[in-house]
C-alpha atoms as a PDB file:
ATOM      1  CA  UNK A   1     -14.254 -27.118  -4.319  1.00  0.00           C
ATOM      2  CA  UNK A   2     -14.983 -23.443  -3.804  1.00  0.00           C
ATOM      3  CA  UNK A   3     -13.133 -20.648  -2.025  1.00  0.00           C
ATOM      4  CA  UNK A   4     -14.697 -17.362  -0.949  1.00  0.00           C
ATOM      5  CA  UNK A   5     -12.922 -14.059  -1.630  1.00  0.00           C
ATOM      6  CA  UNK A   6     -14.466 -11.097   0.195  1.00  0.00           C
ATOM      7  CA  UNK A   7     -13.999  -7.643  -1.329  1.00  0.00           C
ATOM      8  CA  UNK A   8     -14.758  -4.457   0.567  1.00  0.00           C
ATOM      9  CA  UNK A   9     -12.682  -1.358  -0.166  1.00  0.00           C
ATOM     10  CA  UNK A  10     -11.113  -0.774  -3.592  1.00  0.00           C
ATOM     11  CA  UNK A  11      -7.585  -0.330  -2.231  1.00  0.00           C
ATOM     12  CA  UNK A  12      -7.587  -4.003  -1.198  1.00  0.00           C
ATOM     13  CA  UNK A  13      -8.339  -5.355  -4.672  1.00  0.00           C
ATOM     14  CA  UNK A  14      -4.676  -5.423  -5.670  1.00  0.00           C
ATOM     15  CA  UNK A  15      -3.978  -7.718  -2.689  1.00  0.00           C
ATOM     16  CA  UNK A  16      -6.853 -10.126  -3.313  1.00  0.00           C
ATOM     17  CA  UNK A  17      -7.000 -10.376  -7.117  1.00  0.00           C
ATOM     18  CA  UNK A  18      -3.607 -12.139  -7.527  1.00  0.00           C
ATOM     19  CA  UNK A  19      -4.676 -14.717  -4.925  1.00  0.00           C
ATOM     20  CA  UNK A  20      -8.052 -15.222  -6.602  1.00  0.00           C
ATOM     21  CA  UNK A  21      -6.340 -15.646  -9.992  1.00  0.00           C
ATOM     22  CA  UNK A  22      -3.941 -18.259  -8.589  1.00  0.00           C
ATOM     23  CA  UNK A  23      -6.804 -20.173  -6.949  1.00  0.00           C
ATOM     24  CA  UNK A  24      -8.674 -20.208 -10.272  1.00  0.00           C
ATOM     25  CA  UNK A  25      -5.535 -21.375 -12.068  1.00  0.00           C
ATOM     26  CA  UNK A  26      -5.372 -24.354  -9.705  1.00  0.00           C
ATOM     27  CA  UNK A  27      -8.974 -25.297 -10.395  1.00  0.00           C
ATOM     28  CA  UNK A  28     -10.788 -23.754  -7.452  1.00  0.00           C
ATOM     29  CA  UNK A  29     -14.251 -22.290  -7.917  1.00  0.00           C
ATOM     30  CA  UNK A  30     -14.500 -18.733  -6.595  1.00  0.00           C
ATOM     31  CA  UNK A  31     -17.376 -17.210  -4.658  1.00  0.00           C
ATOM     32  CA  UNK A  32     -17.050 -13.430  -4.516  1.00  0.00           C
ATOM     33  CA  UNK A  33     -18.428 -11.693  -1.472  1.00  0.00           C
ATOM     34  CA  UNK A  34     -18.691  -8.101  -0.251  1.00  0.00           C
ATOM     35  CA  UNK A  35     -18.955  -6.544   3.182  1.00  0.00           C
ATOM     36  CA  UNK A  36     -22.729  -6.595   2.823  1.00  0.00           C
ATOM     37  CA  UNK A  37     -23.173 -10.050   1.303  1.00  0.00           C
ATOM     38  CA  UNK A  38     -21.131 -13.199   1.876  1.00  0.00           C
ATOM     39  CA  UNK A  39     -21.362 -16.735   3.244  1.00  0.00           C
ATOM     40  CA  UNK A  40     -24.169 -17.392   0.787  1.00  0.00           C
ATOM     41  CA  UNK A  41     -23.083 -20.933  -0.087  1.00  0.00           C
ATOM     42  CA  UNK A  42     -20.788 -23.724   1.024  1.00  0.00           C
ATOM     43  CA  UNK A  43     -17.081 -22.947   0.669  1.00  0.00           C
ATOM     44  CA  UNK A  44     -13.841 -24.612   1.789  1.00  0.00           C
ATOM     45  CA  UNK A  45     -12.424 -21.376   3.201  1.00  0.00           C
ATOM     46  CA  UNK A  46     -12.618 -17.574   3.084  1.00  0.00           C
ATOM     47  CA  UNK A  47     -10.106 -14.779   2.594  1.00  0.00           C
ATOM     48  CA  UNK A  48     -10.353 -10.979   2.914  1.00  0.00           C
ATOM     49  CA  UNK A  49      -8.537  -7.852   4.109  1.00  0.00           C
ATOM     50  CA  UNK A  50      -8.939  -5.923   7.328  1.00  0.00           C
ATOM     51  CA  UNK A  51     -12.236  -4.125   6.984  1.00  0.00           C
ATOM     52  CA  UNK A  52     -13.379  -3.003  10.411  1.00  0.00           C
ATOM     53  CA  UNK A  53     -16.318  -3.970  12.583  1.00  0.00           C
ATOM     54  CA  UNK A  54     -18.613  -5.512   9.957  1.00  0.00           C
ATOM     55  CA  UNK A  55     -16.809  -8.846  10.205  1.00  0.00           C
ATOM     56  CA  UNK A  56     -17.827  -9.265  13.866  1.00  0.00           C
ATOM     57  CA  UNK A  57     -21.507  -9.123  12.915  1.00  0.00           C
ATOM     58  CA  UNK A  58     -21.293 -12.035  10.497  1.00  0.00           C
ATOM     59  CA  UNK A  59     -18.030 -14.008  10.946  1.00  0.00           C
ATOM     60  CA  UNK A  60     -16.591 -15.671   7.858  1.00  0.00           C
ATOM     61  CA  UNK A  61     -16.797 -19.423   7.522  1.00  0.00           C
ATOM     62  CA  UNK A  62     -13.713 -21.254   8.780  1.00  0.00           C
ATOM     63  CA  UNK A  63     -10.992 -21.569   7.971  1.00  0.00           C
ATOM     64  CA  UNK A  64     -10.834 -17.815   7.410  1.00  0.00           C
ATOM     65  CA  UNK A  65      -7.723 -15.901   6.361  1.00  0.00           C
ATOM     66  CA  UNK A  66      -7.121 -12.193   6.864  1.00  0.00           C
ATOM     67  CA  UNK A  67      -4.498 -10.412   4.767  1.00  0.00           C
ATOM     68  CA  UNK A  68      -2.967  -7.388   6.432  1.00  0.00           C
ATOM     69  CA  UNK A  69      -2.589  -4.428   4.123  1.00  0.00           C
ATOM     70  CA  UNK A  70      -0.563  -1.267   4.305  1.00  0.00           C
ATOM     71  CA  UNK A  71       0.397   0.648   7.417  1.00  0.00           C
ATOM     72  CA  UNK A  72      -2.058  -1.208   9.629  1.00  0.00           C
ATOM     73  CA  UNK A  73       0.331  -4.114  10.064  1.00  0.00           C
ATOM     74  CA  UNK A  74       2.933  -1.643  11.292  1.00  0.00           C
ATOM     75  CA  UNK A  75       0.555  -0.441  14.003  1.00  0.00           C
ATOM     76  CA  UNK A  76      -0.294  -4.014  15.033  1.00  0.00           C
ATOM     77  CA  UNK A  77      -3.943  -3.169  15.609  1.00  0.00           C
ATOM     78  CA  UNK A  78      -5.434  -6.257  17.240  1.00  0.00           C
ATOM     79  CA  UNK A  79      -9.014  -5.287  16.407  1.00  0.00           C
ATOM     80  CA  UNK A  80      -8.293  -5.955  12.735  1.00  0.00           C
ATOM     81  CA  UNK A  81      -7.549  -9.625  13.245  1.00  0.00           C
ATOM     82  CA  UNK A  82     -10.135 -10.574  15.829  1.00  0.00           C
ATOM     83  CA  UNK A  83     -12.504 -13.454  14.980  1.00  0.00           C
ATOM     84  CA  UNK A  84     -10.396 -14.677  12.047  1.00  0.00           C
ATOM     85  CA  UNK A  85      -8.579 -18.019  12.128  1.00  0.00           C
ATOM     86  CA  UNK A  86      -5.349 -16.864  10.467  1.00  0.00           C
ATOM     87  CA  UNK A  87      -3.742 -13.541   9.580  1.00  0.00           C
ATOM     88  CA  UNK A  88      -1.313 -13.524   6.633  1.00  0.00           C
ATOM     89  CA  UNK A  89       1.522 -11.065   7.238  1.00  0.00           C
ATOM     90  CA  UNK A  90       4.434 -10.142   4.950  1.00  0.00           C
ATOM     91  CA  UNK A  91       7.381 -11.381   7.004  1.00  0.00           C
ATOM     92  CA  UNK A  92       8.592 -13.605   9.825  1.00  0.00           C
ATOM     93  CA  UNK A  93       9.145 -10.448  11.889  1.00  0.00           C
ATOM     94  CA  UNK A  94       5.393  -9.812  12.045  1.00  0.00           C
ATOM     95  CA  UNK A  95       4.635 -13.497  12.522  1.00  0.00           C
ATOM     96  CA  UNK A  96       6.683 -13.551  15.718  1.00  0.00           C
ATOM     97  CA  UNK A  97       5.682 -10.088  16.989  1.00  0.00           C
ATOM     98  CA  UNK A  98       1.898 -10.126  16.493  1.00  0.00           C
ATOM     99  CA  UNK A  99      -0.112 -11.497  19.389  1.00  0.00           C
ATOM    100  CA  UNK A 100      -2.362 -14.521  18.913  1.00  0.00           C
ATOM    101  CA  UNK A 101      -4.878 -16.391  21.041  1.00  0.00           C
ATOM    102  CA  UNK A 102      -7.884 -15.040  22.982  1.00  0.00           C
ATOM    103  CA  UNK A 103      -9.915 -14.697  19.792  1.00  0.00           C
ATOM    104  CA  UNK A 104      -7.034 -13.260  17.758  1.00  0.00           C
ATOM    105  CA  UNK A 105      -5.907 -14.917  14.545  1.00  0.00           C
ATOM    106  CA  UNK A 106      -2.784 -17.075  14.245  1.00  0.00           C
ATOM    107  CA  UNK A 107      -0.128 -15.113  12.282  1.00  0.00           C
ATOM    108  CA  UNK A 108       1.379 -16.690   9.149  1.00  0.00           C
ATOM    109  CA  UNK A 109       4.448 -14.968   7.685  1.00  0.00           C
ATOM    110  CA  UNK A 110       4.073 -15.778   3.994  1.00  0.00           C
ATOM    111  CA  UNK A 111       4.707 -12.596   2.014  1.00  0.00           C
ATOM    112  CA  UNK A 112       2.709  -9.858   0.326  1.00  0.00           C
ATOM    113  CA  UNK A 113       0.812 -10.739  -2.842  1.00  0.00           C
ATOM    114  CA  UNK A 114       0.602  -7.078  -3.818  1.00  0.00           C
ATOM    115  CA  UNK A 115       4.379  -6.921  -4.073  1.00  0.00           C
ATOM    116  CA  UNK A 116       4.644  -9.602  -6.751  1.00  0.00           C
ATOM    117  CA  UNK A 117       3.597  -7.387  -9.656  1.00  0.00           C
ATOM    118  CA  UNK A 118       6.093  -4.697  -8.579  1.00  0.00           C
ATOM    119  CA  UNK A 119       8.973  -7.138  -8.172  1.00  0.00           C
ATOM    120  CA  UNK A 120       8.389  -8.876 -11.491  1.00  0.00           C
ATOM    121  CA  UNK A 121       8.339  -5.525 -13.338  1.00  0.00           C
ATOM    122  CA  UNK A 122      10.909  -3.430 -11.483  1.00  0.00           C
ATOM    123  CA  UNK A 123      13.499  -3.732 -14.276  1.00  0.00           C
ATOM    124  CA  UNK A 124      11.074  -2.059 -16.702  1.00  0.00           C
ATOM    125  CA  UNK A 125      11.148   1.440 -15.216  1.00  0.00           C
ATOM    126  CA  UNK A 126      11.850   3.097 -18.573  1.00  0.00           C
ATOM    127  CA  UNK A 127       8.828   1.398 -20.132  1.00  0.00           C
ATOM    128  CA  UNK A 128       6.478   2.613 -17.403  1.00  0.00           C
ATOM    129  CA  UNK A 129       8.038   6.095 -17.321  1.00  0.00           C
ATOM    130  CA  UNK A 130       7.287   6.441 -21.023  1.00  0.00           C
ATOM    131  CA  UNK A 131       3.719   5.234 -20.373  1.00  0.00           C
ATOM    132  CA  UNK A 132       3.242   8.025 -17.823  1.00  0.00           C
ATOM    133  CA  UNK A 133       4.812  10.657 -20.092  1.00  0.00           C
ATOM    134  CA  UNK A 134       2.417   9.824 -22.903  1.00  0.00           C
ATOM    135  CA  UNK A 135      -0.607   9.551 -20.594  1.00  0.00           C
ATOM    136  CA  UNK A 136      -0.027  12.940 -18.963  1.00  0.00           C
ATOM    137  CA  UNK A 137       1.851  14.735 -21.763  1.00  0.00           C
ATOM    138  CA  UNK A 138       4.993  15.172 -19.661  1.00  0.00           C
ATOM    139  CA  UNK A 139       8.324  16.678 -20.651  1.00  0.00           C
ATOM    140  CA  UNK A 140      11.667  14.974 -20.118  1.00  0.00           C
ATOM    141  CA  UNK A 141      12.116  16.075 -16.484  1.00  0.00           C
ATOM    142  CA  UNK A 142      12.088  13.468 -13.684  1.00  0.00           C
ATOM    143  CA  UNK A 143       8.697  12.263 -12.445  1.00  0.00           C
ATOM    144  CA  UNK A 144       7.720  12.911  -8.822  1.00  0.00           C
ATOM    145  CA  UNK A 145       4.707  11.090  -7.376  1.00  0.00           C
ATOM    146  CA  UNK A 146       2.928  12.944  -4.548  1.00  0.00           C
ATOM    147  CA  UNK A 147       0.743  10.480  -2.603  1.00  0.00           C
ATOM    148  CA  UNK A 148      -0.564  11.699   0.770  1.00  0.00           C
ATOM    149  CA  UNK A 149      -2.356   9.168   2.923  1.00  0.00           C
ATOM    150  CA  UNK A 150      -6.002   9.438   3.926  1.00  0.00           C
ATOM    151  CA  UNK A 151      -6.704  11.709   6.898  1.00  0.00           C
ATOM    152  CA  UNK A 152      -9.084  14.507   7.747  1.00  0.00           C
ATOM    153  CA  UNK A 153      -6.544  17.029   6.490  1.00  0.00           C
ATOM    154  CA  UNK A 154      -6.231  15.261   3.134  1.00  0.00           C
ATOM    155  CA  UNK A 155      -9.936  14.813   2.484  1.00  0.00           C
ATOM    156  CA  UNK A 156     -11.344  16.860  -0.388  1.00  0.00           C
ATOM    157  CA  UNK A 157     -13.580  18.518   2.201  1.00  0.00           C
ATOM    158  CA  UNK A 158     -10.549  20.017   3.906  1.00  0.00           C
ATOM    159  CA  UNK A 159      -9.759  23.454   2.411  1.00  0.00           C
ATOM    160  CA  UNK A 160      -6.013  23.040   2.959  1.00  0.00           C
ATOM    161  CA  UNK A 161      -5.794  20.125   0.531  1.00  0.00           C
ATOM    162  CA  UNK A 162      -5.653  22.290  -2.590  1.00  0.00           C
ATOM    163  CA  UNK A 163      -3.198  24.687  -0.961  1.00  0.00           C
ATOM    164  CA  UNK A 164      -0.880  21.843   0.057  1.00  0.00           C
ATOM    165  CA  UNK A 165      -0.906  20.359  -3.425  1.00  0.00           C
ATOM    166  CA  UNK A 166      -0.247  23.748  -5.008  1.00  0.00           C
ATOM    167  CA  UNK A 167       2.646  24.311  -2.592  1.00  0.00           C
ATOM    168  CA  UNK A 168       4.273  20.974  -3.448  1.00  0.00           C
ATOM    169  CA  UNK A 169       4.023  21.672  -7.181  1.00  0.00           C
ATOM    170  CA  UNK A 170       5.296  25.233  -6.721  1.00  0.00           C
ATOM    171  CA  UNK A 171       8.363  23.941  -4.856  1.00  0.00           C
ATOM    172  CA  UNK A 172       9.249  21.560  -7.688  1.00  0.00           C
ATOM    173  CA  UNK A 173       9.266  23.644 -10.905  1.00  0.00           C
ATOM    174  CA  UNK A 174      11.885  21.408 -12.531  1.00  0.00           C
ATOM    175  CA  UNK A 175       9.916  18.185 -12.086  1.00  0.00           C
ATOM    176  CA  UNK A 176       6.787  16.532 -13.404  1.00  0.00           C
ATOM    177  CA  UNK A 177       4.530  16.175 -10.351  1.00  0.00           C
ATOM    178  CA  UNK A 178       1.694  13.637 -10.476  1.00  0.00           C
ATOM    179  CA  UNK A 179      -0.853  13.592  -7.657  1.00  0.00           C
ATOM    180  CA  UNK A 180      -2.079  10.205  -6.387  1.00  0.00           C
ATOM    181  CA  UNK A 181      -4.946  10.794  -3.934  1.00  0.00           C
ATOM    182  CA  UNK A 182      -5.924   8.035  -1.531  1.00  0.00           C
ATOM    183  CA  UNK A 183      -8.758   5.910  -2.886  1.00  0.00           C
ATOM    184  CA  UNK A 184     -10.927   6.898   0.096  1.00  0.00           C
ATOM    185  CA  UNK A 185     -10.333  10.601  -0.470  1.00  0.00           C
ATOM    186  CA  UNK A 186     -13.233  12.385  -2.142  1.00  0.00           C
ATOM    187  CA  UNK A 187     -10.875  14.268  -4.410  1.00  0.00           C
ATOM    188  CA  UNK A 188     -11.907  16.216  -7.499  1.00  0.00           C
ATOM    189  CA  UNK A 189      -9.380  16.576 -10.296  1.00  0.00           C
ATOM    190  CA  UNK A 190      -9.489  20.382 -10.386  1.00  0.00           C
ATOM    191  CA  UNK A 191      -9.586  23.252  -7.909  1.00  0.00           C
ATOM    192  CA  UNK A 192     -11.300  26.055  -9.811  1.00  0.00           C
ATOM    193  CA  UNK A 193      -8.459  27.429 -11.971  1.00  0.00           C
ATOM    194  CA  UNK A 194      -5.921  24.768 -10.931  1.00  0.00           C
ATOM    195  CA  UNK A 195      -5.855  21.381 -12.662  1.00  0.00           C
ATOM    196  CA  UNK A 196      -3.145  19.033 -11.370  1.00  0.00           C
ATOM    197  CA  UNK A 197      -2.027  15.835 -13.069  1.00  0.00           C
ATOM    198  CA  UNK A 198      -3.914  13.081 -11.250  1.00  0.00           C
ATOM    199  CA  UNK A 199      -3.727   9.284 -11.337  1.00  0.00           C
ATOM    200  CA  UNK A 200      -7.428   8.504 -11.721  1.00  0.00           C
ATOM    201  CA  UNK A 201      -7.464   4.735 -12.242  1.00  0.00           C
ATOM    202  CA  UNK A 202      -6.644   2.792  -9.076  1.00  0.00           C
ATOM    203  CA  UNK A 203      -6.149  -0.405 -11.112  1.00  0.00           C
ATOM    204  CA  UNK A 204      -3.092   1.223 -12.725  1.00  0.00           C
ATOM    205  CA  UNK A 205      -1.472   2.386  -9.491  1.00  0.00           C
ATOM    206  CA  UNK A 206       1.463   0.014 -10.001  1.00  0.00           C
ATOM    207  CA  UNK A 207       2.316   1.789 -13.283  1.00  0.00           C
ATOM    208  CA  UNK A 208       2.878   5.043 -11.385  1.00  0.00           C
ATOM    209  CA  UNK A 209       5.039   3.379  -8.756  1.00  0.00           C
ATOM    210  CA  UNK A 210       7.128   1.625 -11.397  1.00  0.00           C
ATOM    211  CA  UNK A 211       7.482   4.708 -13.623  1.00  0.00           C
ATOM    212  CA  UNK A 212       8.125   7.498 -11.099  1.00  0.00           C
ATOM    213  CA  UNK A 213      11.593   8.573  -9.983  1.00  0.00           C
ATOM    214  CA  UNK A 214      10.740   9.815  -6.476  1.00  0.00           C
ATOM    215  CA  UNK A 215       7.786   9.379  -4.096  1.00  0.00           C
ATOM    216  CA  UNK A 216       6.643  12.090  -1.676  1.00  0.00           C
ATOM    217  CA  UNK A 217       4.178  10.997   0.997  1.00  0.00           C
ATOM    218  CA  UNK A 218       3.113  11.747   4.537  1.00  0.00           C
ATOM    219  CA  UNK A 219       3.454   8.062   5.484  1.00  0.00           C
ATOM    220  CA  UNK A 220       0.980   6.385   3.169  1.00  0.00           C
ATOM    221  CA  UNK A 221       1.645   2.649   2.958  1.00  0.00           C
ATOM    222  CA  UNK A 222       2.895   3.391  -0.567  1.00  0.00           C
ATOM    223  CA  UNK A 223       6.252   4.258   1.020  1.00  0.00           C
ATOM    224  CA  UNK A 224       6.874   0.521   1.514  1.00  0.00           C
ATOM    225  CA  UNK A 225       5.812  -0.394  -2.004  1.00  0.00           C
ATOM    226  CA  UNK A 226       8.035   2.300  -3.503  1.00  0.00           C
ATOM    227  CA  UNK A 227      10.969   1.420  -1.247  1.00  0.00           C
ATOM    228  CA  UNK A 228      10.615  -2.162  -2.476  1.00  0.00           C
ATOM    229  CA  UNK A 229      11.673  -0.817  -5.889  1.00  0.00           C
ATOM    230  CA  UNK A 230      14.764   0.730  -4.230  1.00  0.00           C
ATOM    231  CA  UNK A 231      13.875   4.267  -5.321  1.00  0.00           C
ATOM    232  CA  UNK A 232      13.966   7.451  -3.191  1.00  0.00           C
ATOM    233  CA  UNK A 233      11.143   8.126  -0.739  1.00  0.00           C
ATOM    234  CA  UNK A 234      10.615  11.529   0.895  1.00  0.00           C
ATOM    235  CA  UNK A 235       8.239  11.664   3.850  1.00  0.00           C
ATOM    236  CA  UNK A 236       6.392  14.786   4.972  1.00  0.00           C
ATOM    237  CA  UNK A 237       6.100  15.122   8.741  1.00  0.00           C
ATOM    238  CA  UNK A 238       2.397  15.917   9.095  1.00  0.00           C
ATOM    239  CA  UNK A 239       1.380  16.751  12.711  1.00  0.00           C
ATOM    240  CA  UNK A 240      -2.160  15.515  12.071  1.00  0.00           C
ATOM    241  CA  UNK A 241      -0.820  11.970  11.667  1.00  0.00           C
ATOM    242  CA  UNK A 242       2.128  12.234  14.039  1.00  0.00           C
ATOM    243  CA  UNK A 243       3.900   8.943  14.795  1.00  0.00           C
ATOM    244  CA  UNK A 244       1.793   7.159  12.196  1.00  0.00           C
ATOM    245  CA  UNK A 245       4.751   4.946  11.357  1.00  0.00           C
ATOM    246  CA  UNK A 246       5.924   4.376  14.909  1.00  0.00           C
ATOM    247  CA  UNK A 247       5.931   0.619  15.495  1.00  0.00           C
ATOM    248  CA  UNK A 248       3.667  -0.111  18.402  1.00  0.00           C
ATOM    249  CA  UNK A 249       5.374  -1.510  21.479  1.00  0.00           C
ATOM    250  CA  UNK A 250       8.846  -0.455  20.340  1.00  0.00           C
ATOM    251  CA  UNK A 251      10.897   2.714  20.072  1.00  0.00           C
ATOM    252  CA  UNK A 252      11.312   2.240  16.312  1.00  0.00           C
ATOM    253  CA  UNK A 253      10.036   4.686  13.706  1.00  0.00           C
ATOM    254  CA  UNK A 254      10.124   3.844  10.018  1.00  0.00           C
ATOM    255  CA  UNK A 255      12.834   6.079   8.560  1.00  0.00           C
ATOM    256  CA  UNK A 256      13.312   4.800   5.034  1.00  0.00           C
ATOM    257  CA  UNK A 257      13.782   8.255   3.488  1.00  0.00           C
ATOM    258  CA  UNK A 258      14.426  11.945   4.133  1.00  0.00           C
ATOM    259  CA  UNK A 259      11.793  13.638   6.311  1.00  0.00           C
ATOM    260  CA  UNK A 260      10.562  17.191   5.582  1.00  0.00           C
ATOM    261  CA  UNK A 261       8.249  19.083   8.010  1.00  0.00           C
ATOM    262  CA  UNK A 262       4.909  19.866   6.386  1.00  0.00           C
ATOM    263  CA  UNK A 263       5.359  23.539   7.332  1.00  0.00           C
ATOM    264  CA  UNK A 264       8.790  23.695   5.656  1.00  0.00           C
ATOM    265  CA  UNK A 265       7.915  22.793   2.102  1.00  0.00           C
ATOM    266  CA  UNK A 266      10.420  25.428   1.013  1.00  0.00           C
ATOM    267  CA  UNK A 267      13.058  22.737   1.759  1.00  0.00           C
ATOM    268  CA  UNK A 268      11.394  20.215  -0.533  1.00  0.00           C
ATOM    269  CA  UNK A 269      13.112  21.258  -3.757  1.00  0.00           C
ATOM    270  CA  UNK A 270      16.625  20.775  -2.410  1.00  0.00           C
ATOM    271  CA  UNK A 271      15.708  17.449  -0.800  1.00  0.00           C
ATOM    272  CA  UNK A 272      14.274  16.128  -4.067  1.00  0.00           C
ATOM    273  CA  UNK A 273      17.339  17.405  -5.936  1.00  0.00           C
ATOM    274  CA  UNK A 274      19.688  15.536  -3.600  1.00  0.00           C
ATOM    275  CA  UNK A 275      17.732  12.292  -3.977  1.00  0.00           C
ATOM    276  CA  UNK A 276      17.664  12.566  -7.762  1.00  0.00           C
ATOM    277  CA  UNK A 277      21.425  13.204  -7.798  1.00  0.00           C
ATOM    278  CA  UNK A 278      22.063  10.272  -5.439  1.00  0.00           C
ATOM    279  CA  UNK A 279      19.218   7.694  -5.644  1.00  0.00           C
ATOM    280  CA  UNK A 280      21.117   5.413  -3.240  1.00  0.00           C
ATOM    281  CA  UNK A 281      21.261   8.081  -0.545  1.00  0.00           C
ATOM    282  CA  UNK A 282      18.983   6.170   1.858  1.00  0.00           C
ATOM    283  CA  UNK A 283      19.371   2.788   0.219  1.00  0.00           C
ATOM    284  CA  UNK A 284      20.504   1.029   3.395  1.00  0.00           C
ATOM    285  CA  UNK A 285      17.428   2.195   5.331  1.00  0.00           C
ATOM    286  CA  UNK A 286      15.071   1.226   2.505  1.00  0.00           C
ATOM    287  CA  UNK A 287      16.544  -2.246   2.330  1.00  0.00           C
ATOM    288  CA  UNK A 288      16.485  -2.606   6.124  1.00  0.00           C
ATOM    289  CA  UNK A 289      12.746  -1.874   6.297  1.00  0.00           C
ATOM    290  CA  UNK A 290      11.739  -3.893   3.256  1.00  0.00           C
ATOM    291  CA  UNK A 291      13.741  -6.893   4.491  1.00  0.00           C
ATOM    292  CA  UNK A 292      12.248  -6.589   7.963  1.00  0.00           C
ATOM    293  CA  UNK A 293       8.643  -5.690   7.229  1.00  0.00           C
ATOM    294  CA  UNK A 294       8.042  -7.150   3.771  1.00  0.00           C
ATOM    295  CA  UNK A 295      10.392 -10.076   4.245  1.00  0.00           C
ATOM    296  CA  UNK A 296       9.701 -12.260   1.222  1.00  0.00           C
ATOM    297  CA  UNK A 297      10.729 -10.074  -1.713  1.00  0.00           C
ATOM    298  CA  UNK A 298      11.111 -12.826  -4.283  1.00  0.00           C
ATOM    299  CA  UNK A 299       7.995 -12.376  -6.427  1.00  0.00           C
ATOM    300  CA  UNK A 300       6.532 -15.678  -5.178  1.00  0.00           C
ATOM    301  CA  UNK A 301       4.338 -14.449  -2.318  1.00  0.00           C
ATOM    302  CA  UNK A 302       1.063 -15.269  -4.069  1.00  0.00           C
ATOM    303  CA  UNK A 303       2.160 -18.841  -4.737  1.00  0.00           C
ATOM    304  CA  UNK A 304       3.336 -19.258  -1.134  1.00  0.00           C
ATOM    305  CA  UNK A 305       0.047 -17.912   0.249  1.00  0.00           C
ATOM    306  CA  UNK A 306      -2.113 -20.173  -1.929  1.00  0.00           C
ATOM    307  CA  UNK A 307       0.070 -23.179  -1.083  1.00  0.00           C
ATOM    308  CA  UNK A 308      -0.733 -22.552   2.587  1.00  0.00           C
ATOM    309  CA  UNK A 309      -4.455 -22.065   1.883  1.00  0.00           C
ATOM    310  CA  UNK A 310      -4.560 -25.433   0.143  1.00  0.00           C
ATOM    311  CA  UNK A 311      -2.549 -27.104   2.895  1.00  0.00           C
ATOM    312  CA  UNK A 312      -4.970 -25.900   5.573  1.00  0.00           C
ATOM    313  CA  UNK A 313      -8.199 -26.298   3.601  1.00  0.00           C
ATOM    314  CA  UNK A 314      -7.270 -29.691   2.204  1.00  0.00           C
END
């Protein structure tokens, strides 16, 4: 029997590859598809990530499974799970809160395959920290990962991008700052005379999450992945993506770390200092949001997802 795995954007690979590997391990044949080419042969089912309007033009063969990725499941955008049979979400909370019917997929709260590699390696922080120090020739100071999400103000075409990055580095002279641009950001590794430390290889993103001491982000979905490791997260309040983490239909806003206004980066140094001195400072909020939104944090999400695929596909 064959199962189709549809790849589109690179940032979704880390969600789909563990599932594809587990299907292969169980003896399934794999048909790889892309946004421009799929459904080329008979398969028992299809799986992919939310990828926009292309799926409406050529619906996947049933049963089809959509895996929600990143912040989009927080926003509960119905357009991302239209014309699929099932949508795999990380927790029971999203299974009960997402709408279904009227052409919308049936939610299945099964876990997050992307989280498995982080959970199975989270006790090896020192190993991954040393990997980053050697890769980027870092000193012994703590490692801060700066990972802004994708938006018009974080595109390489936006002139403020370089200035913002310089400002963050300038505010943190006692730390090793590594820049992790969004995979969709057309970012070049140098700005004339300024050459920041950059995580170039998206396939090694987990190494940076596991090895860093603190994450700074303006609400990239990485905040959930990093919080899963129970390490400090600092969020920049960027007006261009205001309320990006407000949960649709509720009054809740994800507050799993200290929040610093983007126009008050002068406060950043002291905030990072306080989180380094007390890594458990916002531990209760991190655990609240990971328990609620990621739910199954046991390292077995991939197995649980593939069990369900086999149950439905027969």
